[in-house]
Amino acid sequence: MQKDIAIIGAGLGGLMLARVLHVNGIPATVYEAEATADARTQGGLLDIHEHNGQRALRDAALLDEFVGLVRPGEDAKRVTDKDGNILFDQPWGHTSARPEVDRGELREMLIASVPVRTIRWGRKAISITTSKSRYTVTFGDGTRIEADVVVGADGAWSRVRPLLSDTKLAYSGTCFVEIALLDGDARCRYKASLDAIGTGTLMAVAPGKGIIMHRNADGSARGYAALNRPEDWIRSIDFGNAPAGLAQLAGQFEGWAGHLTVFITASQVEPVLHPIYALPTGYWWRRTPGLTLIGDAAHLMSPFAGEGANLALYDGAELAKAIIRYPGDIEAALAAFERDLFPRSTEVAEASAQNLARFFGPDAPWSVVELFESIRDIEL
């Protein structure tokens, strides 16, 4: 008998799972807290890797459509010191194994790839209970559903994860603050700053801090100011008064080149805080009937391995393929999926933690230069 599969979360991983199941004739329903597909912006660019993200897209029969989303030129990388001296400069590659795409466009493609009724919007899971091997999910709007299988694809603060373990997220010690230069006036006024980015991503770093900016095809730029500071110290800055908050933030970059700090002082977006949390390296849970996790719900880590979105896509495809391989035996499918999930996510989480230390550790920016030179040597 076909099991009722409930996927909690319409991020990249949950959508990929639904898509691969759909093309193989297996129904599933995705429950998403956001009211609509465009309820909020979906972040910046992602580099989608050949060995996992692109493999998942191939399994979903979406690789050709994905190629149409690739942003030529935007995979360029530049590293500078706090004075703006260029220490590493890699132009974009015509045949990059890690092409850049807009996260929002990738998500839109996945949403359009499943039947309309697959995704139920405005369904924020608030509790999940079990009885007689079935799960009842209660949503914020008062509705409930029952399912045989519940997949937590609901990100860092997953509602499904506590059913599997009591492990808590830990603050990494690094916090990002969103910054951007968007309109035409800013592009003219701060042309030297925008030109310093190059065509892709600029990483100006020093011990304990950094300014990371990406230049979009329209000439605008978005990114983050990063600081190694206690979370309560960061939250003490009053970003309700954006100019004052940004000025206080910029004060932490005293002595930096003016064309870099202007990304903070002249920023044109709400300065949203993003404390970087992570699950412990090597996190795993005991096999629990009818439950599993994918994406950030399963292996939240810092973004410094560039693998979060790729792992989410790969997790979704691999879980779907396991369900397809074990028709009628969902427990065998979940067990097989998790046997592969744990070691691969542990390996990437270790690399992510090491790279976070490299970016803002005592040897920055040269430790970052060394990292990108090693990646370039591998790709060549």
Protein backbone atom coordinates (compact mmCIF):
# COMPACT_ATOMS: atom_id res chain seq x y z
CA MET A 1 0.00 0.00 0.00
CA GLN A 2 1.29 3.50 -0.91
CA LYS A 3 2.40 5.46 2.14
CA ASP A 4 1.26 9.03 2.77
CA ILE A 5 4.42 11.16 2.58
CA ALA A 6 4.40 14.62 4.18
CA ILE A 7 7.36 16.89 3.44
CA ILE A 8 7.66 19.77 5.91
CA GLY A 9 9.27 22.73 4.14
CA ALA A 10 9.35 23.96 0.52
CA GLY A 11 13.04 24.77 0.38
CA LEU A 12 15.36 23.30 -2.21
CA GLY A 13 15.63 19.90 -0.52
CA GLY A 14 11.92 19.39 0.06
CA LEU A 15 11.05 20.47 -3.46
CA MET A 16 13.70 18.20 -4.98
CA LEU A 17 12.35 15.25 -3.00
CA ALA A 18 8.81 15.97 -4.23
CA ARG A 19 10.00 16.39 -7.83
CA VAL A 20 11.97 13.13 -8.07
CA LEU A 21 9.12 11.22 -6.42
CA HIS A 22 6.67 12.83 -8.85
CA VAL A 23 8.59 11.89 -12.01
CA ASN A 24 8.63 8.31 -10.70
CA GLY A 25 4.89 8.23 -10.05
CA ILE A 26 4.99 8.52 -6.27
CA PRO A 27 2.78 11.21 -4.72
CA ALA A 28 3.88 13.40 -1.81
CA THR A 29 2.65 16.65 -0.30
CA VAL A 30 4.82 19.60 0.72
CA TYR A 31 3.68 21.82 3.60
CA GLU A 32 5.26 25.28 3.68
CA ALA A 33 4.93 27.95 6.39
CA GLU A 34 5.19 30.88 3.96
CA ALA A 35 1.89 32.12 2.55
CA THR A 36 3.05 32.22 -1.07
CA ALA A 37 6.04 31.32 -3.20
CA ASP A 38 7.17 34.95 -3.28
CA ALA A 39 6.45 35.85 0.36
CA ARG A 40 10.09 36.82 0.88
CA THR A 41 13.29 37.17 -1.07
CA GLN A 42 15.25 33.94 -1.36
CA GLY A 43 18.82 35.16 -0.90
CA GLY A 44 21.61 35.57 -3.42
CA LEU A 45 23.53 33.34 -5.78
CA LEU A 46 24.43 29.71 -5.36
CA ASP A 47 27.23 27.76 -7.00
CA ILE A 48 25.76 24.39 -7.95
CA HIS A 49 28.37 21.66 -7.91
CA GLU A 50 28.82 18.96 -10.49
CA HIS A 51 29.22 16.07 -8.04
CA ASN A 52 26.04 16.60 -6.00
CA GLY A 53 23.73 19.52 -6.87
CA GLN A 54 23.90 18.92 -10.61
CA ARG A 55 23.55 15.16 -10.13
CA ALA A 56 20.32 15.77 -8.24
CA LEU A 57 19.03 18.01 -11.02
CA ARG A 58 19.83 15.28 -13.52
CA ASP A 59 17.85 12.78 -11.43
CA ALA A 60 14.97 15.26 -11.49
CA ALA A 61 15.17 15.61 -15.30
CA LEU A 62 15.80 19.35 -14.81
CA LEU A 63 19.45 19.73 -15.78
CA ASP A 64 18.79 21.31 -19.17
CA GLU A 65 16.36 23.79 -17.65
CA PHE A 66 18.90 24.56 -14.93
CA VAL A 67 21.56 25.41 -17.53
CA GLY A 68 19.27 28.17 -18.76
CA LEU A 69 19.43 29.80 -15.31
CA VAL A 70 23.23 29.96 -15.11
CA ARG A 71 24.68 33.45 -14.65
CA PRO A 72 27.76 33.73 -16.92
CA GLY A 73 30.59 35.70 -15.36
CA GLU A 74 29.27 35.68 -11.84
CA ASP A 75 31.41 32.81 -10.59
CA ALA A 76 34.50 35.07 -10.49
CA LYS A 77 36.26 35.28 -7.08
CA ARG A 78 38.43 38.06 -5.66
CA VAL A 79 40.17 38.22 -2.26
CA THR A 80 41.61 41.43 -0.83
CA ASP A 81 43.07 42.64 2.43
CA LYS A 82 41.51 45.42 4.51
CA ASP A 83 43.28 48.04 2.39
CA GLY A 84 41.72 46.72 -0.80
CA ASN A 85 44.92 45.17 -2.17
CA ILE A 86 44.02 42.31 -4.49
CA LEU A 87 45.63 39.08 -3.30
CA PHE A 88 43.68 36.56 -5.40
CA ASP A 89 41.69 37.17 -8.55
CA GLN A 90 40.02 34.37 -10.48
CA PRO A 91 37.95 35.38 -13.51
CA TRP A 92 34.84 33.51 -14.46
CA GLY A 93 35.17 30.24 -16.32
CA HIS A 94 33.24 29.33 -19.45
CA THR A 95 33.16 25.67 -18.36
CA SER A 96 32.96 26.02 -14.58
CA ALA A 97 32.02 22.88 -12.63
CA ARG A 98 30.35 25.25 -10.14
CA PRO A 99 28.13 27.59 -12.19
CA GLU A 100 26.25 30.34 -10.34
CA VAL A 101 22.47 30.62 -10.32
CA ASP A 102 20.02 32.81 -8.44
CA ARG A 103 18.54 30.91 -5.47
CA GLY A 104 15.08 32.38 -6.11
CA GLU A 105 15.08 31.36 -9.75
CA LEU A 106 16.23 27.83 -8.88
CA ARG A 107 13.43 27.51 -6.34
CA GLU A 108 10.88 28.84 -8.83
CA MET A 109 11.99 26.19 -11.32
CA LEU A 110 11.49 23.44 -8.73
CA ILE A 111 8.08 24.79 -7.68
CA ALA A 112 6.93 24.80 -11.31
CA SER A 113 8.17 21.23 -11.78
CA VAL A 114 5.58 19.62 -9.46
CA PRO A 115 1.78 19.53 -9.78
CA VAL A 116 0.08 22.64 -8.40
CA ARG A 117 -1.60 20.88 -5.46
CA THR A 118 1.65 19.30 -4.33
CA ILE A 119 2.56 22.37 -2.23
CA ARG A 120 0.23 23.61 0.51
CA TRP A 121 1.19 27.20 1.33
CA GLY A 122 0.58 28.92 4.66
CA ARG A 123 0.95 25.67 6.61
CA LYS A 124 3.39 26.32 9.45
CA ALA A 125 3.93 23.12 11.42
CA ILE A 126 3.60 23.81 15.15
CA SER A 127 3.40 20.27 16.55
CA ILE A 128 3.90 16.69 15.43
CA THR A 129 2.55 13.75 17.41
CA THR A 130 2.43 10.01 16.80
CA SER A 131 -0.16 7.31 17.36
CA LYS A 132 -0.27 3.77 15.99
CA SER A 133 2.67 4.31 13.61
CA ARG A 134 1.10 7.38 11.99
CA TYR A 135 1.92 11.02 12.55
CA THR A 136 -0.42 13.95 13.07
CA VAL A 137 0.94 17.34 12.04
CA THR A 138 -0.86 20.39 13.40
CA PHE A 139 -0.43 23.70 11.59
CA GLY A 140 -0.65 27.29 12.75
CA ASP A 141 -3.95 27.82 10.92
CA GLY A 142 -5.56 25.08 13.02
CA THR A 143 -5.63 22.41 10.30
CA ARG A 144 -4.20 18.94 10.78
CA ILE A 145 -3.04 16.16 8.53
CA GLU A 146 -2.03 12.55 9.10
CA ALA A 147 0.86 10.84 7.35
CA ASP A 148 2.79 7.58 7.47
CA VAL A 149 6.08 9.34 6.67
CA VAL A 150 7.19 12.82 7.75
CA VAL A 151 10.33 14.33 6.23
CA GLY A 152 11.81 17.37 7.96
CA ALA A 153 12.98 19.68 5.19
CA ASP A 154 12.24 22.68 7.38
CA GLY A 155 15.66 24.18 7.87
CA ALA A 156 17.70 25.27 10.85
CA TRP A 157 14.86 25.48 13.37
CA SER A 158 13.21 22.26 12.26
CA ARG A 159 10.04 21.15 14.02
CA VAL A 160 10.76 17.57 13.01
CA ARG A 161 14.31 17.32 14.42
CA PRO A 162 13.27 17.26 18.13
CA LEU A 163 11.36 14.03 17.46
CA LEU A 164 14.65 12.41 16.47
CA SER A 165 17.12 13.89 18.97
CA ASP A 166 17.50 16.60 21.60
CA THR A 167 20.68 18.04 20.04
CA LYS A 168 20.67 21.85 19.96
CA LEU A 169 22.15 24.30 17.47
CA ALA A 170 25.28 26.16 18.57
CA TYR A 171 26.30 29.71 17.65
CA SER A 172 29.55 29.59 15.67
CA GLY A 173 30.85 32.92 16.97
CA THR A 174 30.36 34.64 13.60
CA CYS A 175 27.45 36.88 12.64
CA PHE A 176 26.54 38.27 9.20
CA VAL A 177 24.68 41.51 8.60
CA GLU A 178 23.00 42.05 5.22
CA ILE A 179 24.25 45.05 3.21
CA ALA A 180 23.69 46.20 -0.39
CA LEU A 181 24.06 48.99 -2.93
CA LEU A 182 21.09 48.81 -5.25
CA ASP A 183 19.85 51.88 -7.10
CA GLY A 184 21.34 53.74 -10.04
CA ASP A 185 22.39 56.76 -7.98
CA ALA A 186 24.42 54.56 -5.65
CA ARG A 187 26.02 52.78 -8.58
CA CYS A 188 27.23 56.09 -9.97
CA ARG A 189 28.30 57.55 -6.63
CA TYR A 190 30.18 54.46 -5.50
CA LYS A 191 31.45 53.20 -8.85
CA ALA A 192 34.99 52.67 -7.51
CA SER A 193 33.65 50.44 -4.74
CA LEU A 194 31.50 48.42 -7.14
CA ASP A 195 34.38 48.08 -9.60
CA ALA A 196 36.52 46.71 -6.75
CA ILE A 197 34.21 43.69 -6.58
CA GLY A 198 34.95 42.59 -10.14
CA THR A 199 32.28 40.60 -11.98
CA GLY A 200 31.56 38.09 -9.23
CA THR A 201 32.29 37.96 -5.51
CA LEU A 202 34.65 40.08 -3.43
CA MET A 203 35.94 38.76 -0.10
CA ALA A 204 37.79 41.42 1.89
CA VAL A 205 38.85 39.72 5.09
CA ALA A 206 41.00 40.19 8.17
CA PRO A 207 41.19 38.39 11.51
CA GLY A 208 37.75 38.41 13.07
CA LYS A 209 35.92 40.34 10.36
CA GLY A 210 35.13 40.65 6.67
CA ILE A 211 33.10 42.35 3.95
CA ILE A 212 31.73 39.92 1.36
CA MET A 213 29.95 41.39 -1.67
CA HIS A 214 28.55 39.97 -4.90
CA ARG A 215 28.02 42.07 -8.01
CA ASN A 216 24.90 41.25 -9.97
CA ALA A 217 24.47 41.48 -13.73
CA ASP A 218 22.49 44.74 -13.37
CA GLY A 219 25.41 46.39 -11.56
CA SER A 220 23.89 46.27 -8.08
CA ALA A 221 25.71 44.54 -5.24
CA ARG A 222 24.55 42.52 -2.25
CA GLY A 223 26.44 40.86 0.54
CA TYR A 224 27.33 40.84 4.20
CA ALA A 225 29.50 42.43 6.82
CA ALA A 226 30.83 39.65 9.04
CA LEU A 227 32.11 39.87 12.60
CA ASN A 228 33.41 37.41 15.14
CA ARG A 229 31.59 38.70 18.20
CA PRO A 230 29.34 37.29 20.94
CA GLU A 231 25.76 37.02 19.76
CA ASP A 232 24.40 39.23 22.55
CA TRP A 233 26.92 41.95 21.59
CA ILE A 234 25.75 41.90 17.97
CA ARG A 235 22.11 41.99 19.02
CA SER A 236 22.79 45.00 21.24
CA ILE A 237 23.26 47.17 18.13
CA ASP A 238 20.07 49.10 17.41
CA PHE A 239 19.40 48.29 13.77
CA GLY A 240 15.89 49.72 14.21
CA ASN A 241 17.66 52.99 13.43
CA ALA A 242 19.44 51.67 10.34
CA PRO A 243 21.89 54.57 9.72
CA ALA A 244 22.98 54.61 13.37
CA GLY A 245 23.24 50.84 13.52
CA LEU A 246 25.26 50.68 10.30
CA ALA A 247 27.56 53.45 11.58
CA GLN A 248 28.17 51.45 14.75
CA LEU A 249 28.85 48.35 12.67
CA ALA A 250 31.23 50.28 10.40
CA GLY A 251 33.12 51.40 13.51
CA GLN A 252 34.27 47.82 13.89
CA PHE A 253 36.07 48.24 10.54
CA GLU A 254 38.06 51.30 11.55
CA GLY A 255 41.27 51.54 9.53
CA TRP A 256 39.81 49.72 6.53
CA ALA A 257 39.83 51.27 3.07
CA GLY A 258 36.98 53.74 2.58
CA HIS A 259 35.86 52.14 -0.67
CA LEU A 260 35.19 48.95 1.32
CA THR A 261 33.48 50.40 4.39
CA VAL A 262 31.10 52.37 2.16
CA PHE A 263 29.32 49.08 1.48
CA ILE A 264 28.24 49.28 5.12
CA THR A 265 27.71 52.99 5.66
CA ALA A 266 25.79 53.53 2.40
CA SER A 267 23.87 50.24 2.46
CA GLN A 268 20.33 50.47 1.06
CA VAL A 269 18.67 47.42 2.62
CA GLU A 270 17.39 46.62 6.08
CA PRO A 271 20.46 45.38 8.01
CA VAL A 272 19.13 41.95 8.91
CA LEU A 273 21.21 39.88 11.36
CA HIS A 274 22.24 36.34 10.44
CA PRO A 275 24.03 34.67 13.35
CA ILE A 276 25.77 31.59 11.96
CA TYR A 277 24.54 28.51 13.78
CA ALA A 278 25.57 24.90 13.22
CA LEU A 279 24.76 21.40 14.36
CA PRO A 280 27.68 19.52 15.93
CA THR A 281 30.03 17.96 13.40
CA GLY A 282 29.09 14.30 13.09
CA TYR A 283 25.48 14.89 14.16
CA TRP A 284 23.26 11.86 13.68
CA TRP A 285 20.03 10.43 15.08
CA ARG A 286 18.72 6.98 15.82
CA ARG A 287 16.51 5.37 13.19
CA THR A 288 12.97 6.34 14.06
CA PRO A 289 10.09 4.75 12.12
CA GLY A 290 8.51 7.05 9.57
CA LEU A 291 10.76 10.04 10.21
CA THR A 292 13.90 11.52 8.64
CA LEU A 293 15.57 14.85 7.89
CA ILE A 294 17.15 16.47 4.83
CA GLY A 295 19.00 19.71 4.12
CA ASP A 296 19.74 22.15 6.93
CA ALA A 297 17.36 20.27 9.22
CA ALA A 298 19.76 17.32 9.00
CA HIS A 299 23.17 19.00 8.86
CA LEU A 300 23.10 22.74 9.43
CA MET A 301 26.59 24.16 8.99
CA SER A 302 28.31 27.45 8.20
CA PRO A 303 28.18 28.53 4.54
CA PHE A 304 31.95 28.30 4.09
CA ALA A 305 32.05 25.01 2.26
CA GLY A 306 29.55 26.27 -0.31
CA GLU A 307 27.68 23.00 0.05
CA GLY A 308 24.46 23.77 1.94
CA ALA A 309 22.17 24.13 -1.07
CA ASN A 310 23.98 21.37 -2.94
CA LEU A 311 23.57 18.93 -0.07
CA ALA A 312 19.89 19.84 0.26
CA LEU A 313 19.30 19.09 -3.42
CA TYR A 314 21.30 15.88 -3.23
CA ASP A 315 19.57 14.76 -0.02
CA GLY A 316 16.17 15.23 -1.62
CA ALA A 317 17.07 13.25 -4.73
CA GLU A 318 18.82 10.48 -2.79
CA LEU A 319 15.90 10.02 -0.38
CA ALA A 320 13.50 9.80 -3.31
CA LYS A 321 15.71 7.23 -5.02
CA ALA A 322 15.88 5.15 -1.84
CA ILE A 323 12.08 5.15 -1.60
CA ILE A 324 11.90 4.06 -5.24
CA ARG A 325 14.47 1.27 -4.68
CA TYR A 326 12.50 -0.23 -1.78
CA PRO A 327 8.88 -0.27 -2.93
CA GLY A 328 6.58 -1.14 -0.06
CA ASP A 329 9.35 -1.01 2.56
CA ILE A 330 9.70 2.56 3.70
CA GLU A 331 11.84 1.65 6.73
CA ALA A 332 14.43 -0.03 4.54
CA ALA A 333 14.44 3.05 2.33
CA LEU A 334 14.92 5.48 5.23
CA ALA A 335 17.65 3.31 6.77
CA ALA A 336 19.54 3.10 3.48
CA PHE A 337 19.25 6.85 2.95
CA GLU A 338 20.57 7.67 6.42
CA ARG A 339 23.49 5.24 6.14
CA ASP A 340 24.82 7.35 3.28
CA LEU A 341 23.65 10.71 4.63
CA PHE A 342 25.59 10.69 7.91
CA PRO A 343 29.15 10.18 6.59
CA ARG A 344 28.79 12.58 3.65
CA SER A 345 27.31 15.36 5.79
CA THR A 346 29.99 14.85 8.45
CA GLU A 347 32.76 15.25 5.88
CA VAL A 348 31.30 18.48 4.54
CA ALA A 349 30.55 19.86 8.03
CA GLU A 350 34.19 19.35 9.01
CA ALA A 351 35.35 21.22 5.90
CA SER A 352 32.85 23.99 6.58
CA ALA A 353 34.07 24.48 10.16
CA GLN A 354 37.68 24.55 8.98
CA ASN A 355 36.91 27.10 6.28
CA LEU A 356 35.04 29.35 8.70
CA ALA A 357 38.19 29.42 10.85
CA ARG A 358 40.30 30.18 7.78
CA PHE A 359 38.13 33.13 6.73
CA PHE A 360 38.21 34.98 10.02
CA GLY A 361 41.10 33.38 11.88
CA PRO A 362 44.48 34.91 12.76
CA ASP A 363 46.01 34.15 9.34
CA ALA A 364 43.34 35.92 7.26
CA PRO A 365 43.42 37.02 4.49
CA TRP A 366 46.31 34.78 3.39
CA SER A 367 44.56 31.68 4.71
CA VAL A 368 41.65 32.50 2.36
CA VAL A 369 44.00 32.99 -0.58
CA GLU A 370 45.55 29.60 0.14
CA LEU A 371 42.08 28.01 0.25
CA PHE A 372 41.01 29.37 -3.14
CA GLU A 373 44.34 28.56 -4.75
CA SER A 374 43.97 24.95 -3.62
CA ILE A 375 40.43 24.79 -5.08
CA ARG A 376 41.64 26.30 -8.37
CA ASP A 377 44.46 23.76 -8.59
CA ILE A 378 41.96 20.91 -8.12
CA GLU A 379 39.61 22.28 -10.81
CA LEU A 380 42.50 22.75 -13.25
